[in-house]
């Protein structure tokens, strides 16, 4: 998907994904259909809190509720599924996580997921420092986005053949001026 195919996120969409718990719910619902109770158990949270998050995600178009089914215990359950809408949005804001005192929600969600998977799950972890002018930053980010878009475009094929799932975080930020007191 190219930048021109993406659409700007609405205010409701930005609010919906400016929360690390909701990002984690979206990731889980991408791979499987989940009930509110199952998500609450998985994320070790109260079901009413998860339902609140699901309603926000559903209103913003990130998840859909599937028809109610009867579970193993005989109780009726509503399953939720990801719409994969997040791949198609332009997010200009840094999405400060309302749960993590200003930490970007994608970073907080990645941190939770990485901790859950364990250090042995790491395939590549690179941290670097670059000196770039504005044009070079734009080129660097554009080239990385092109690679990401290429892999996102063909992701459904890999999912169909049951390839393992990997979390990826790409973040570039300008460092604080090292000459200024912190």
Protein backbone atom coordinates (compact mmCIF):
# COMPACT_ATOMS: atom_id res chain seq x y z
CA UNK A 1 0.00 0.00 0.00
CA UNK A 2 1.40 3.38 -0.94
CA UNK A 3 1.13 6.61 1.00
CA UNK A 4 -1.36 7.89 -1.62
CA UNK A 5 -3.66 4.91 -0.91
CA UNK A 6 -3.76 5.67 2.81
CA UNK A 7 -6.41 7.92 4.25
CA UNK A 8 -6.08 10.37 7.13
CA UNK A 9 -7.35 8.96 10.41
CA UNK A 10 -10.52 10.47 11.81
CA UNK A 11 -10.54 11.91 15.32
CA UNK A 12 -12.44 8.82 16.52
CA UNK A 13 -9.83 6.52 14.95
CA UNK A 14 -6.94 8.43 16.49
CA UNK A 15 -8.63 8.30 19.90
CA UNK A 16 -9.34 4.58 19.48
CA UNK A 17 -5.75 3.62 18.81
CA UNK A 18 -4.13 6.07 21.20
CA UNK A 19 -4.33 3.33 23.78
CA UNK A 20 -1.96 0.39 24.15
CA UNK A 21 -4.67 -1.97 25.39
CA UNK A 22 -6.78 -1.30 22.32
CA UNK A 23 -3.78 -1.86 20.06
CA UNK A 24 -3.17 -5.21 21.75
CA UNK A 25 -6.85 -6.13 21.30
CA UNK A 26 -6.62 -5.26 17.60
CA UNK A 27 -3.55 -7.47 17.18
CA UNK A 28 -5.18 -10.40 18.95
CA UNK A 29 -8.40 -10.00 16.92
CA UNK A 30 -6.38 -9.97 13.71
CA UNK A 31 -5.25 -13.56 14.22
CA UNK A 32 -8.37 -15.05 15.80
CA UNK A 33 -11.92 -14.17 16.74
CA UNK A 34 -12.17 -13.40 20.46
CA UNK A 35 -14.93 -12.97 22.99
CA UNK A 36 -14.84 -10.17 25.50
CA UNK A 37 -14.26 -12.69 28.31
CA UNK A 38 -11.43 -14.47 26.47
CA UNK A 39 -9.70 -11.14 25.78
CA UNK A 40 -10.09 -10.14 29.43
CA UNK A 41 -8.54 -13.43 30.54
CA UNK A 42 -5.67 -13.12 28.05
CA UNK A 43 -4.90 -9.51 28.96
CA UNK A 44 -5.52 -10.05 32.68
CA UNK A 45 -8.10 -7.27 32.81
CA UNK A 46 -11.70 -6.88 33.94
CA UNK A 47 -14.24 -7.91 31.23
CA UNK A 48 -16.13 -4.62 31.61
CA UNK A 49 -12.92 -2.71 30.83
CA UNK A 50 -12.29 -4.85 27.75
CA UNK A 51 -15.90 -4.35 26.61
CA UNK A 52 -15.40 -0.58 26.93
CA UNK A 53 -12.31 -0.84 24.68
CA UNK A 54 -14.10 -3.13 22.19
CA UNK A 55 -16.97 -0.65 21.86
CA UNK A 56 -14.53 2.20 21.10
CA UNK A 57 -12.70 0.04 18.54
CA UNK A 58 -15.96 -1.07 16.95
CA UNK A 59 -17.30 2.50 16.70
CA UNK A 60 -14.07 3.56 14.97
CA UNK A 61 -14.22 0.63 12.53
CA UNK A 62 -11.22 -1.32 13.82
CA UNK A 63 -13.15 -4.41 14.95
CA UNK A 64 -16.52 -5.89 14.05
CA UNK A 65 -18.81 -7.96 16.20
CA UNK A 66 -19.65 -11.28 14.58
CA UNK A 67 -23.02 -13.01 15.00
CA UNK A 68 -23.63 -14.38 18.48
CA UNK A 69 -22.77 -18.08 18.87
CA UNK A 70 -23.40 -20.61 21.58
CA UNK A 71 -20.19 -21.48 23.42
CA UNK A 72 -19.11 -24.81 24.91
CA UNK A 73 -20.75 -24.01 28.22
CA UNK A 74 -24.05 -23.23 26.51
CA UNK A 75 -23.74 -19.49 27.07
CA UNK A 76 -24.17 -17.16 24.12
CA UNK A 77 -21.00 -15.32 23.14
CA UNK A 78 -20.23 -12.44 20.82
CA UNK A 79 -16.98 -12.79 18.91
CA UNK A 80 -14.93 -9.83 17.69
CA UNK A 81 -12.70 -9.72 14.62
CA UNK A 82 -10.21 -7.14 13.31
CA UNK A 83 -11.07 -5.21 10.15
CA UNK A 84 -7.36 -4.51 9.45
CA UNK A 85 -8.26 -0.84 9.00
CA UNK A 86 -5.13 0.31 10.83
CA UNK A 87 -2.95 -0.61 7.82
CA UNK A 88 -4.75 2.01 5.75
CA UNK A 89 -4.47 5.08 7.97
CA UNK A 90 -2.12 8.04 8.04
CA UNK A 91 -1.40 8.86 11.66
CA UNK A 92 0.34 12.19 12.00
CA UNK A 93 -0.06 12.39 15.77
CA UNK A 94 2.32 10.59 18.11
CA UNK A 95 -0.65 8.87 19.75
CA UNK A 96 0.22 9.49 23.38
CA UNK A 97 -1.16 6.52 25.29
CA UNK A 98 -3.86 7.54 27.72
CA UNK A 99 -2.77 4.65 29.97
CA UNK A 100 1.00 5.22 29.97
CA UNK A 101 1.55 8.84 30.95
CA UNK A 102 2.32 10.13 27.47
CA UNK A 103 4.30 7.17 26.11
CA UNK A 104 3.26 6.56 22.48
CA UNK A 105 0.56 3.86 22.45
CA UNK A 106 2.28 1.77 19.74
CA UNK A 107 5.47 1.73 21.80
CA UNK A 108 3.61 0.77 24.98
CA UNK A 109 1.72 -2.03 23.17
CA UNK A 110 4.95 -3.33 21.62
CA UNK A 111 6.62 -3.27 25.03
CA UNK A 112 3.77 -5.33 26.56
CA UNK A 113 3.82 -7.83 23.69
CA UNK A 114 7.61 -8.15 23.73
CA UNK A 115 7.58 -8.78 27.48
CA UNK A 116 4.83 -11.39 27.03
CA UNK A 117 6.77 -13.19 24.26
CA UNK A 118 10.07 -13.08 26.17
CA UNK A 119 13.58 -12.01 25.27
CA UNK A 120 14.24 -15.24 23.35
CA UNK A 121 11.55 -14.18 20.85
CA UNK A 122 13.73 -11.36 19.52
CA UNK A 123 14.95 -11.83 15.96
CA UNK A 124 16.43 -8.38 15.42
CA UNK A 125 16.81 -5.41 17.70
CA UNK A 126 18.67 -2.46 16.29
CA UNK A 127 19.08 0.93 17.84
CA UNK A 128 21.09 3.52 16.01
CA UNK A 129 21.92 7.18 15.92
CA UNK A 130 21.93 9.05 12.61
CA UNK A 131 22.67 12.64 11.65
CA UNK A 132 20.12 13.59 8.99
CA UNK A 133 18.80 16.82 7.57
CA UNK A 134 15.06 17.15 6.85
CA UNK A 135 15.34 15.78 3.31
CA UNK A 136 17.41 12.81 4.46
CA UNK A 137 14.89 12.03 7.22
CA UNK A 138 12.09 12.07 4.65
CA UNK A 139 14.10 9.77 2.35
CA UNK A 140 14.99 7.36 5.18
CA UNK A 141 11.42 7.11 6.45
CA UNK A 142 10.06 6.81 2.90
CA UNK A 143 12.39 3.94 2.04
CA UNK A 144 11.57 2.05 5.24
CA UNK A 145 7.83 2.63 4.69
CA UNK A 146 8.18 1.25 1.15
CA UNK A 147 9.65 -1.98 2.51
CA UNK A 148 6.93 -2.17 5.18
CA UNK A 149 4.21 -1.55 2.57
CA UNK A 150 5.65 -4.28 0.34
CA UNK A 151 5.46 -6.82 3.15
CA UNK A 152 2.00 -5.66 4.28
CA UNK A 153 0.68 -6.08 0.72
CA UNK A 154 1.68 -9.75 0.67
CA UNK A 155 0.91 -10.47 4.32
CA UNK A 156 -2.39 -12.28 3.62
CA UNK A 157 -0.54 -14.86 1.50
CA UNK A 158 1.87 -15.63 4.34
CA UNK A 159 -0.98 -15.79 6.84
CA UNK A 160 -2.86 -18.28 4.63
CA UNK A 161 0.13 -20.60 4.60
CA UNK A 162 0.35 -20.31 8.42
CA UNK A 163 3.70 -18.53 8.54
CA UNK A 164 4.70 -17.53 12.09
CA UNK A 165 3.55 -14.12 13.30
CA UNK A 166 6.07 -11.39 14.20
CA UNK A 167 5.64 -8.03 15.88
CA UNK A 168 7.48 -5.15 14.23
CA UNK A 169 7.96 -1.62 15.49
CA UNK A 170 9.61 1.09 13.42
CA UNK A 171 10.07 4.42 15.13
CA UNK A 172 12.23 7.39 14.26
CA UNK A 173 12.43 10.41 16.54
CA UNK A 174 14.55 13.47 16.83
CA UNK A 175 16.77 13.28 19.89
CA UNK A 176 16.61 15.95 22.55
CA UNK A 177 19.25 18.62 22.11
CA UNK A 178 22.20 17.24 24.07
CA UNK A 179 23.40 20.75 24.90
CA UNK A 180 20.20 21.65 26.75
CA UNK A 181 19.78 20.66 30.43
CA UNK A 182 17.21 17.91 30.94
